[in-house]
């Protein structure tokens, strides 16, 4: 399990998809990309989807994601994405009242139980008191992280 903090955007893509029954239907799928701006998110999702979708598709919506951190799983069965809302518990030293701050994470897992286990595994290594307020499955198809592209070797730049 690894986690990644970034600026995430939720992108909706609409295209014609051939179903298991052989009938072509218009579908809208949800993806998440790591980007610095709306325009970069649009460019990134178009670039990523061109290799998966044959034919035309349209980016119908881009929104900032409600989560800043994503927990990625290494398990092959982790094919779903769960939204986990945690409440961090702090105590005000002056008033001695308990304060709860809600934080949302996206968790890659195969089942609800494995998503909960992953959250507890990651958060168990912290000193923060928390309560898992909600975990629910999302319709997110995949998450695309930013990967730095290496420059191709240019033979003209070699020292002679």
N, C-alpha and C. Protein backbone atom coordinates (compact mmCIF):
# COMPACT_ATOMS: atom_id res chain seq x y z
N UNK A 1 0.85 -1.18 0.00
CA UNK A 1 0.00 0.00 0.00
C UNK A 1 0.89 1.23 0.00
N UNK A 2 0.62 2.12 -0.90
CA UNK A 2 1.33 3.39 -0.94
C UNK A 2 0.30 4.50 -1.09
N UNK A 3 0.67 5.69 -0.66
CA UNK A 3 -0.25 6.82 -0.78
C UNK A 3 0.42 7.92 -1.58
N UNK A 4 -0.42 8.73 -2.19
CA UNK A 4 0.10 9.83 -3.01
C UNK A 4 -0.78 11.05 -2.82
N UNK A 5 -0.14 12.16 -2.48
CA UNK A 5 -0.83 13.43 -2.34
C UNK A 5 -0.55 14.26 -3.58
N UNK A 6 -1.59 14.84 -4.16
CA UNK A 6 -1.44 15.64 -5.37
C UNK A 6 -2.70 16.47 -5.57
N UNK A 7 -2.73 17.22 -6.65
CA UNK A 7 -3.94 17.92 -7.09
C UNK A 7 -4.68 16.97 -8.02
N UNK A 8 -5.78 16.43 -7.57
CA UNK A 8 -6.53 15.45 -8.36
C UNK A 8 -7.77 16.10 -8.96
N UNK A 9 -8.10 15.67 -10.18
CA UNK A 9 -9.30 16.14 -10.87
C UNK A 9 -10.12 14.94 -11.30
N UNK A 10 -11.43 15.04 -11.15
CA UNK A 10 -12.35 14.00 -11.60
C UNK A 10 -12.82 14.39 -13.00
N UNK A 11 -12.62 13.48 -13.95
CA UNK A 11 -12.96 13.74 -15.35
C UNK A 11 -14.01 12.73 -15.82
N UNK A 12 -15.01 13.24 -16.51
CA UNK A 12 -16.04 12.37 -17.09
C UNK A 12 -15.83 12.32 -18.60
N UNK A 13 -15.84 11.11 -19.14
CA UNK A 13 -15.61 10.87 -20.56
C UNK A 13 -16.86 10.19 -21.12
N UNK A 14 -17.34 10.67 -22.27
CA UNK A 14 -18.51 10.07 -22.93
C UNK A 14 -18.09 9.55 -24.30
N UNK A 15 -18.46 8.28 -24.54
CA UNK A 15 -18.10 7.67 -25.83
C UNK A 15 -19.00 6.47 -26.11
N UNK A 16 -18.90 5.94 -27.33
CA UNK A 16 -19.66 4.76 -27.72
C UNK A 16 -18.87 3.52 -27.33
N UNK A 17 -19.52 2.63 -26.57
CA UNK A 17 -18.86 1.42 -26.09
C UNK A 17 -19.69 0.21 -26.51
N UNK A 18 -19.01 -0.81 -27.00
CA UNK A 18 -19.69 -2.04 -27.37
C UNK A 18 -19.77 -2.92 -26.12
N UNK A 19 -21.00 -3.27 -25.74
CA UNK A 19 -21.22 -4.08 -24.54
C UNK A 19 -20.96 -5.55 -24.79
N UNK A 20 -21.08 -6.34 -23.74
CA UNK A 20 -20.88 -7.78 -23.83
C UNK A 20 -21.90 -8.43 -24.75
N UNK A 21 -23.07 -7.79 -24.91
CA UNK A 21 -24.11 -8.32 -25.79
C UNK A 21 -23.90 -7.90 -27.25
N UNK A 22 -22.82 -7.14 -27.52
CA UNK A 22 -22.50 -6.72 -28.89
C UNK A 22 -23.19 -5.45 -29.33
N UNK A 23 -24.00 -4.87 -28.47
CA UNK A 23 -24.73 -3.64 -28.82
C UNK A 23 -23.91 -2.43 -28.39
N UNK A 24 -23.85 -1.46 -29.30
CA UNK A 24 -23.10 -0.23 -29.03
C UNK A 24 -23.98 0.78 -28.31
N UNK A 25 -23.46 1.30 -27.18
CA UNK A 25 -24.21 2.27 -26.38
C UNK A 25 -23.31 3.43 -26.01
N UNK A 26 -23.94 4.58 -25.78
CA UNK A 26 -23.21 5.74 -25.26
C UNK A 26 -23.03 5.52 -23.76
N UNK A 27 -21.79 5.67 -23.28
CA UNK A 27 -21.52 5.52 -21.86
C UNK A 27 -20.73 6.72 -21.37
N UNK A 28 -20.86 7.00 -20.10
CA UNK A 28 -20.06 8.03 -19.45
C UNK A 28 -19.28 7.33 -18.35
N UNK A 29 -17.96 7.48 -18.38
CA UNK A 29 -17.10 6.86 -17.38
C UNK A 29 -16.33 7.95 -16.63
N UNK A 30 -15.99 7.63 -15.40
CA UNK A 30 -15.32 8.60 -14.53
C UNK A 30 -13.89 8.15 -14.29
N UNK A 31 -12.96 9.09 -14.44
CA UNK A 31 -11.54 8.84 -14.22
C UNK A 31 -10.99 9.97 -13.35
N UNK A 32 -9.85 9.71 -12.74
CA UNK A 32 -9.18 10.72 -11.91
C UNK A 32 -7.78 10.91 -12.47
N UNK A 33 -7.37 12.18 -12.62
CA UNK A 33 -6.02 12.49 -13.09
C UNK A 33 -5.34 13.46 -12.13
N UNK A 34 -4.03 13.36 -12.13
CA UNK A 34 -3.17 14.25 -11.35
C UNK A 34 -2.78 15.39 -12.28
N UNK A 35 -3.16 16.62 -11.95
CA UNK A 35 -2.86 17.78 -12.79
C UNK A 35 -2.82 19.04 -11.94
N UNK A 36 -2.24 20.09 -12.51
CA UNK A 36 -2.12 21.35 -11.80
C UNK A 36 -3.26 22.31 -12.10
N UNK A 37 -3.96 22.08 -13.23
CA UNK A 37 -5.03 23.00 -13.63
C UNK A 37 -6.09 22.23 -14.41
N UNK A 38 -7.21 22.89 -14.65
CA UNK A 38 -8.28 22.28 -15.44
C UNK A 38 -7.80 21.96 -16.85
N UNK A 39 -7.07 22.89 -17.46
CA UNK A 39 -6.62 22.66 -18.84
C UNK A 39 -5.61 21.52 -18.90
N UNK A 40 -4.75 21.42 -17.89
CA UNK A 40 -3.80 20.29 -17.87
C UNK A 40 -4.56 18.98 -17.63
N UNK A 41 -5.58 19.00 -16.79
CA UNK A 41 -6.38 17.80 -16.53
C UNK A 41 -7.06 17.34 -17.82
N UNK A 42 -7.59 18.27 -18.59
CA UNK A 42 -8.23 17.91 -19.86
C UNK A 42 -7.21 17.31 -20.82
N UNK A 43 -6.06 17.93 -20.95
CA UNK A 43 -5.02 17.42 -21.85
C UNK A 43 -4.56 16.03 -21.41
N UNK A 44 -4.39 15.84 -20.11
CA UNK A 44 -3.90 14.56 -19.59
C UNK A 44 -4.92 13.45 -19.81
N UNK A 45 -6.22 13.73 -19.56
CA UNK A 45 -7.22 12.67 -19.71
C UNK A 45 -7.39 12.31 -21.19
N UNK A 46 -7.30 13.29 -22.06
CA UNK A 46 -7.38 13.01 -23.50
C UNK A 46 -6.21 12.13 -23.91
N UNK A 47 -5.01 12.48 -23.47
CA UNK A 47 -3.81 11.70 -23.80
C UNK A 47 -3.92 10.26 -23.27
N UNK A 48 -4.39 10.11 -22.06
CA UNK A 48 -4.52 8.77 -21.46
C UNK A 48 -5.58 7.94 -22.17
N UNK A 49 -6.72 8.54 -22.50
CA UNK A 49 -7.85 7.79 -23.05
C UNK A 49 -7.67 7.44 -24.53
N UNK A 50 -6.83 8.18 -25.24
CA UNK A 50 -6.61 7.89 -26.66
C UNK A 50 -6.11 6.46 -26.89
N UNK A 51 -5.36 5.92 -25.94
CA UNK A 51 -4.84 4.56 -26.09
C UNK A 51 -5.87 3.50 -25.71
N UNK A 52 -6.95 3.88 -25.03
CA UNK A 52 -7.96 2.92 -24.59
C UNK A 52 -9.23 2.93 -25.43
N UNK A 53 -9.55 4.07 -26.01
CA UNK A 53 -10.81 4.21 -26.73
C UNK A 53 -10.54 4.36 -28.22
N UNK A 54 -11.15 3.46 -29.02
CA UNK A 54 -11.06 3.64 -30.46
C UNK A 54 -12.29 4.42 -30.89
N UNK A 55 -12.06 5.41 -31.70
CA UNK A 55 -13.17 6.27 -32.09
C UNK A 55 -13.16 7.56 -31.29
N UNK A 56 -14.24 8.31 -31.45
CA UNK A 56 -14.32 9.61 -30.82
C UNK A 56 -14.84 9.51 -29.39
N UNK A 57 -14.37 10.44 -28.56
CA UNK A 57 -14.88 10.57 -27.20
C UNK A 57 -14.86 12.03 -26.83
N UNK A 58 -15.60 12.35 -25.79
CA UNK A 58 -15.72 13.75 -25.38
C UNK A 58 -15.53 13.85 -23.87
N UNK A 59 -14.75 14.84 -23.46
CA UNK A 59 -14.61 15.15 -22.04
C UNK A 59 -15.83 16.01 -21.69
N UNK A 60 -16.72 15.47 -20.87
CA UNK A 60 -17.96 16.19 -20.59
C UNK A 60 -17.91 17.01 -19.31
N UNK A 61 -16.97 16.67 -18.41
CA UNK A 61 -16.92 17.42 -17.15
C UNK A 61 -15.57 17.21 -16.48
N UNK A 62 -15.08 18.25 -15.82
CA UNK A 62 -13.86 18.17 -15.01
C UNK A 62 -14.14 18.95 -13.73
N UNK A 63 -13.92 18.29 -12.60
CA UNK A 63 -14.11 18.92 -11.30
C UNK A 63 -12.89 18.64 -10.42
N UNK A 64 -12.55 19.57 -9.53
CA UNK A 64 -11.51 19.25 -8.55
C UNK A 64 -12.00 18.11 -7.65
N UNK A 65 -11.14 17.18 -7.35
CA UNK A 65 -11.53 16.04 -6.52
C UNK A 65 -11.66 16.47 -5.05
N UNK A 66 -12.59 15.85 -4.33
CA UNK A 66 -12.76 16.20 -2.91
C UNK A 66 -11.71 15.57 -2.00
N UNK A 67 -10.75 14.88 -2.59
CA UNK A 67 -9.69 14.24 -1.81
C UNK A 67 -8.34 14.73 -2.30
N UNK A 68 -7.39 14.80 -1.38
CA UNK A 68 -6.04 15.24 -1.74
C UNK A 68 -5.07 14.07 -1.77
N UNK A 69 -5.48 12.96 -1.15
CA UNK A 69 -4.57 11.82 -1.06
C UNK A 69 -5.29 10.55 -1.52
N UNK A 70 -4.53 9.70 -2.22
CA UNK A 70 -5.06 8.44 -2.71
C UNK A 70 -4.18 7.31 -2.19
N UNK A 71 -4.83 6.24 -1.72
CA UNK A 71 -4.13 5.04 -1.27
C UNK A 71 -4.19 4.02 -2.40
N UNK A 72 -3.02 3.66 -2.93
CA UNK A 72 -2.92 2.69 -4.02
C UNK A 72 -2.57 1.32 -3.47
N UNK A 73 -3.21 0.28 -4.01
CA UNK A 73 -2.97 -1.09 -3.57
C UNK A 73 -2.12 -1.83 -4.62
N UNK A 74 -1.32 -2.78 -4.15
CA UNK A 74 -0.51 -3.61 -5.04
C UNK A 74 -1.21 -4.93 -5.36
N UNK A 75 -2.34 -5.19 -4.75
CA UNK A 75 -3.06 -6.45 -4.95
C UNK A 75 -3.72 -6.48 -6.33
N UNK A 76 -3.65 -7.63 -6.99
CA UNK A 76 -4.26 -7.78 -8.31
C UNK A 76 -5.78 -7.69 -8.25
N UNK A 77 -6.36 -8.08 -7.13
CA UNK A 77 -7.83 -8.07 -7.00
C UNK A 77 -8.37 -6.68 -6.67
N UNK A 78 -7.49 -5.71 -6.45
CA UNK A 78 -7.91 -4.35 -6.09
C UNK A 78 -8.31 -3.60 -7.35
N UNK A 79 -9.55 -3.84 -7.80
CA UNK A 79 -10.02 -3.27 -9.06
C UNK A 79 -11.13 -2.24 -8.88
N UNK A 80 -11.34 -1.80 -7.65
CA UNK A 80 -12.39 -0.82 -7.36
C UNK A 80 -11.80 0.35 -6.58
N UNK A 81 -12.55 1.45 -6.58
CA UNK A 81 -12.12 2.64 -5.85
C UNK A 81 -13.19 3.00 -4.84
N UNK A 82 -12.75 3.21 -3.60
CA UNK A 82 -13.65 3.54 -2.50
C UNK A 82 -13.32 4.92 -1.96
N UNK A 83 -14.37 5.66 -1.65
CA UNK A 83 -14.20 6.96 -1.00
C UNK A 83 -14.32 6.73 0.49
N UNK A 84 -13.28 7.13 1.22
CA UNK A 84 -13.27 6.95 2.68
C UNK A 84 -13.25 8.32 3.35
N UNK A 85 -14.25 8.55 4.20
CA UNK A 85 -14.31 9.80 4.95
C UNK A 85 -13.92 9.50 6.39
N UNK A 86 -12.83 10.12 6.82
CA UNK A 86 -12.35 9.95 8.18
C UNK A 86 -12.57 11.24 8.95
N UNK A 87 -12.74 11.11 10.23
CA UNK A 87 -12.84 12.28 11.10
C UNK A 87 -11.67 12.24 12.07
N UNK A 88 -10.80 13.25 11.98
CA UNK A 88 -9.67 13.36 12.89
C UNK A 88 -10.15 14.02 14.17
N UNK A 89 -9.76 13.45 15.29
CA UNK A 89 -10.24 13.93 16.58
C UNK A 89 -9.11 14.67 17.29
N UNK A 90 -9.39 15.93 17.62
CA UNK A 90 -8.44 16.73 18.40
C UNK A 90 -9.17 17.32 19.60
N UNK A 91 -8.42 17.68 20.60
CA UNK A 91 -9.01 18.28 21.80
C UNK A 91 -8.45 19.68 21.97
N UNK A 92 -9.36 20.64 22.12
CA UNK A 92 -8.95 22.03 22.37
C UNK A 92 -8.39 22.11 23.78
N UNK A 93 -7.15 22.56 23.92
CA UNK A 93 -6.50 22.59 25.22
C UNK A 93 -7.17 23.55 26.21
N UNK A 94 -7.71 24.65 25.71
CA UNK A 94 -8.33 25.64 26.60
C UNK A 94 -9.70 25.18 27.07
N UNK A 95 -10.55 24.79 26.12
CA UNK A 95 -11.92 24.43 26.48
C UNK A 95 -12.09 22.94 26.76
N UNK A 96 -11.10 22.15 26.42
CA UNK A 96 -11.11 20.70 26.59
C UNK A 96 -12.27 20.04 25.84
N UNK A 97 -12.72 20.69 24.77
CA UNK A 97 -13.78 20.12 23.95
C UNK A 97 -13.16 19.36 22.79
N UNK A 98 -13.84 18.29 22.42
CA UNK A 98 -13.40 17.46 21.31
C UNK A 98 -13.83 18.11 19.99
N UNK A 99 -12.89 18.15 19.05
CA UNK A 99 -13.19 18.72 17.73
C UNK A 99 -12.90 17.65 16.68
N UNK A 100 -13.78 17.54 15.69
CA UNK A 100 -13.60 16.57 14.62
C UNK A 100 -13.46 17.29 13.29
N UNK A 101 -12.44 16.89 12.54
CA UNK A 101 -12.20 17.46 11.21
C UNK A 101 -12.32 16.34 10.19
N UNK A 102 -13.22 16.51 9.21
CA UNK A 102 -13.44 15.49 8.20
C UNK A 102 -12.41 15.60 7.08
N UNK A 103 -11.87 14.45 6.67
CA UNK A 103 -10.92 14.37 5.57
C UNK A 103 -11.34 13.19 4.69
N UNK A 104 -11.30 13.38 3.37
CA UNK A 104 -11.72 12.34 2.44
C UNK A 104 -10.51 11.80 1.69
N UNK A 105 -10.46 10.48 1.56
CA UNK A 105 -9.41 9.79 0.82
C UNK A 105 -10.05 8.91 -0.24
N UNK A 106 -9.27 8.57 -1.26
CA UNK A 106 -9.69 7.60 -2.26
C UNK A 106 -8.83 6.37 -2.05
N UNK A 107 -9.45 5.20 -1.97
CA UNK A 107 -8.75 3.96 -1.64
C UNK A 107 -8.98 2.92 -2.72
N UNK A 108 -7.92 2.33 -3.22
CA UNK A 108 -8.01 1.25 -4.20
C UNK A 108 -8.08 -0.07 -3.44
N UNK A 109 -9.13 -0.86 -3.72
CA UNK A 109 -9.29 -2.14 -3.03
C UNK A 109 -10.24 -3.03 -3.84
N UNK A 110 -10.26 -4.30 -3.48
CA UNK A 110 -11.15 -5.25 -4.16
C UNK A 110 -12.50 -5.37 -3.50
N UNK A 111 -12.55 -5.14 -2.18
CA UNK A 111 -13.78 -5.26 -1.42
C UNK A 111 -13.87 -4.14 -0.38
N UNK A 112 -15.06 -3.99 0.19
CA UNK A 112 -15.25 -3.01 1.26
C UNK A 112 -14.32 -3.31 2.42
N UNK A 113 -14.25 -4.59 2.82
CA UNK A 113 -13.41 -4.98 3.96
C UNK A 113 -11.94 -4.68 3.71
N UNK A 114 -11.46 -4.93 2.48
CA UNK A 114 -10.05 -4.64 2.20
C UNK A 114 -9.80 -3.14 2.14
N UNK A 115 -10.79 -2.35 1.75
CA UNK A 115 -10.66 -0.89 1.76
C UNK A 115 -10.53 -0.40 3.20
N UNK A 116 -11.36 -0.92 4.09
CA UNK A 116 -11.30 -0.55 5.51
C UNK A 116 -9.96 -0.98 6.11
N UNK A 117 -9.52 -2.17 5.76
CA UNK A 117 -8.23 -2.67 6.26
C UNK A 117 -7.09 -1.77 5.79
N UNK A 118 -7.14 -1.34 4.52
CA UNK A 118 -6.10 -0.47 3.98
C UNK A 118 -6.07 0.88 4.69
N UNK A 119 -7.23 1.45 4.95
CA UNK A 119 -7.30 2.72 5.66
C UNK A 119 -6.68 2.57 7.05
N UNK A 120 -7.06 1.51 7.74
CA UNK A 120 -6.54 1.29 9.09
C UNK A 120 -5.04 1.00 9.07
N UNK A 121 -4.56 0.34 8.02
CA UNK A 121 -3.13 0.06 7.88
C UNK A 121 -2.33 1.36 7.71
N UNK A 122 -2.81 2.23 6.83
CA UNK A 122 -2.10 3.49 6.59
C UNK A 122 -2.22 4.40 7.80
N UNK A 123 -3.40 4.55 8.36
CA UNK A 123 -3.61 5.47 9.46
C UNK A 123 -3.05 4.92 10.78
N UNK A 124 -2.90 3.61 10.87
CA UNK A 124 -2.35 3.01 12.08
C UNK A 124 -0.91 3.42 12.34
N UNK A 125 -0.22 3.83 11.29
CA UNK A 125 1.16 4.28 11.43
C UNK A 125 1.28 5.73 11.84
N UNK A 126 0.15 6.39 12.10
CA UNK A 126 0.18 7.79 12.50
C UNK A 126 -0.21 7.93 13.96
N UNK A 127 0.02 9.08 14.51
CA UNK A 127 -0.34 9.35 15.91
C UNK A 127 -1.70 10.05 16.01
N UNK A 128 -2.41 10.16 14.91
CA UNK A 128 -3.68 10.89 14.87
C UNK A 128 -4.82 9.99 15.34
N UNK A 129 -5.64 10.51 16.24
CA UNK A 129 -6.87 9.80 16.62
C UNK A 129 -7.90 10.07 15.53
N UNK A 130 -8.55 9.00 15.07
CA UNK A 130 -9.52 9.17 13.98
C UNK A 130 -10.65 8.16 14.12
N UNK A 131 -11.74 8.46 13.41
CA UNK A 131 -12.88 7.57 13.31
C UNK A 131 -13.19 7.43 11.83
N UNK A 132 -13.43 6.22 11.37
CA UNK A 132 -13.84 6.00 9.98
C UNK A 132 -15.34 6.26 9.93
N UNK A 133 -15.71 7.40 9.36
CA UNK A 133 -17.11 7.82 9.34
C UNK A 133 -17.88 7.16 8.21
N UNK A 134 -17.19 6.92 7.06
CA UNK A 134 -17.90 6.36 5.90
C UNK A 134 -16.90 5.79 4.91
N UNK A 135 -17.26 4.66 4.34
CA UNK A 135 -16.52 4.11 3.20
C UNK A 135 -17.58 3.65 2.21
N UNK A 136 -17.48 4.14 0.97
CA UNK A 136 -18.44 3.69 -0.04
C UNK A 136 -17.75 3.55 -1.39
N UNK A 137 -18.25 2.60 -2.17
CA UNK A 137 -17.68 2.34 -3.48
C UNK A 137 -18.06 3.48 -4.43
N UNK A 138 -17.12 3.85 -5.30
CA UNK A 138 -17.37 4.90 -6.28
C UNK A 138 -17.52 4.28 -7.67
N UNK A 139 -17.85 5.11 -8.64
CA UNK A 139 -17.94 4.66 -10.03
C UNK A 139 -16.66 4.99 -10.80
N UNK A 140 -15.62 5.37 -10.10
CA UNK A 140 -14.35 5.72 -10.75
C UNK A 140 -13.77 4.47 -11.39
N UNK A 141 -13.40 4.60 -12.66
CA UNK A 141 -12.85 3.48 -13.43
C UNK A 141 -11.36 3.30 -13.19
N UNK A 142 -10.62 4.42 -13.14
CA UNK A 142 -9.17 4.33 -12.96
C UNK A 142 -8.61 5.68 -12.54
N UNK A 143 -7.37 5.65 -12.04
CA UNK A 143 -6.67 6.85 -11.62
C UNK A 143 -5.37 6.92 -12.40
N UNK A 144 -5.09 8.08 -12.98
CA UNK A 144 -3.88 8.28 -13.76
C UNK A 144 -2.97 9.26 -13.02
N UNK A 145 -1.85 8.74 -12.54
CA UNK A 145 -0.86 9.58 -11.85
C UNK A 145 0.01 10.28 -12.88
N UNK A 146 0.56 11.40 -12.49
CA UNK A 146 1.51 12.10 -13.34
C UNK A 146 2.82 11.31 -13.34
N UNK A 147 3.34 11.05 -14.53
CA UNK A 147 4.62 10.38 -14.65
C UNK A 147 5.53 11.26 -15.49
N UNK A 148 6.67 11.54 -14.93
CA UNK A 148 7.63 12.38 -15.62
C UNK A 148 8.15 11.64 -16.84
N UNK A 149 8.08 12.30 -17.99
CA UNK A 149 8.57 11.67 -19.21
C UNK A 149 10.05 11.96 -19.37
N UNK A 150 10.79 10.90 -19.69
CA UNK A 150 12.22 11.08 -19.88
C UNK A 150 12.47 11.60 -21.29
N UNK A 151 13.48 12.45 -21.38
CA UNK A 151 13.83 13.00 -22.68
C UNK A 151 14.53 11.93 -23.51
N UNK A 152 14.20 11.88 -24.78
CA UNK A 152 14.84 10.94 -25.69
C UNK A 152 16.26 11.44 -25.98
N UNK A 153 17.16 10.51 -26.13
CA UNK A 153 18.53 10.89 -26.46
C UNK A 153 18.57 11.50 -27.84
N UNK A 154 19.17 12.66 -27.92
CA UNK A 154 19.29 13.36 -29.20
C UNK A 154 20.72 13.20 -29.69
N UNK A 155 20.94 12.49 -30.79
CA UNK A 155 22.31 12.27 -31.26
C UNK A 155 23.01 13.56 -31.66
N UNK A 156 22.25 14.63 -31.93
CA UNK A 156 22.88 15.90 -32.31
C UNK A 156 23.51 16.61 -31.11
N UNK A 157 23.10 16.21 -29.89
CA UNK A 157 23.62 16.87 -28.70
C UNK A 157 24.90 16.23 -28.15
N UNK A 158 25.34 15.17 -28.76
CA UNK A 158 26.53 14.49 -28.27
C UNK A 158 27.78 15.32 -28.53
N UNK A 159 28.69 15.28 -27.57
CA UNK A 159 29.98 15.96 -27.75
C UNK A 159 30.82 15.13 -28.71
N UNK A 160 31.46 15.79 -29.66
CA UNK A 160 32.27 15.07 -30.65
C UNK A 160 33.71 15.11 -30.30
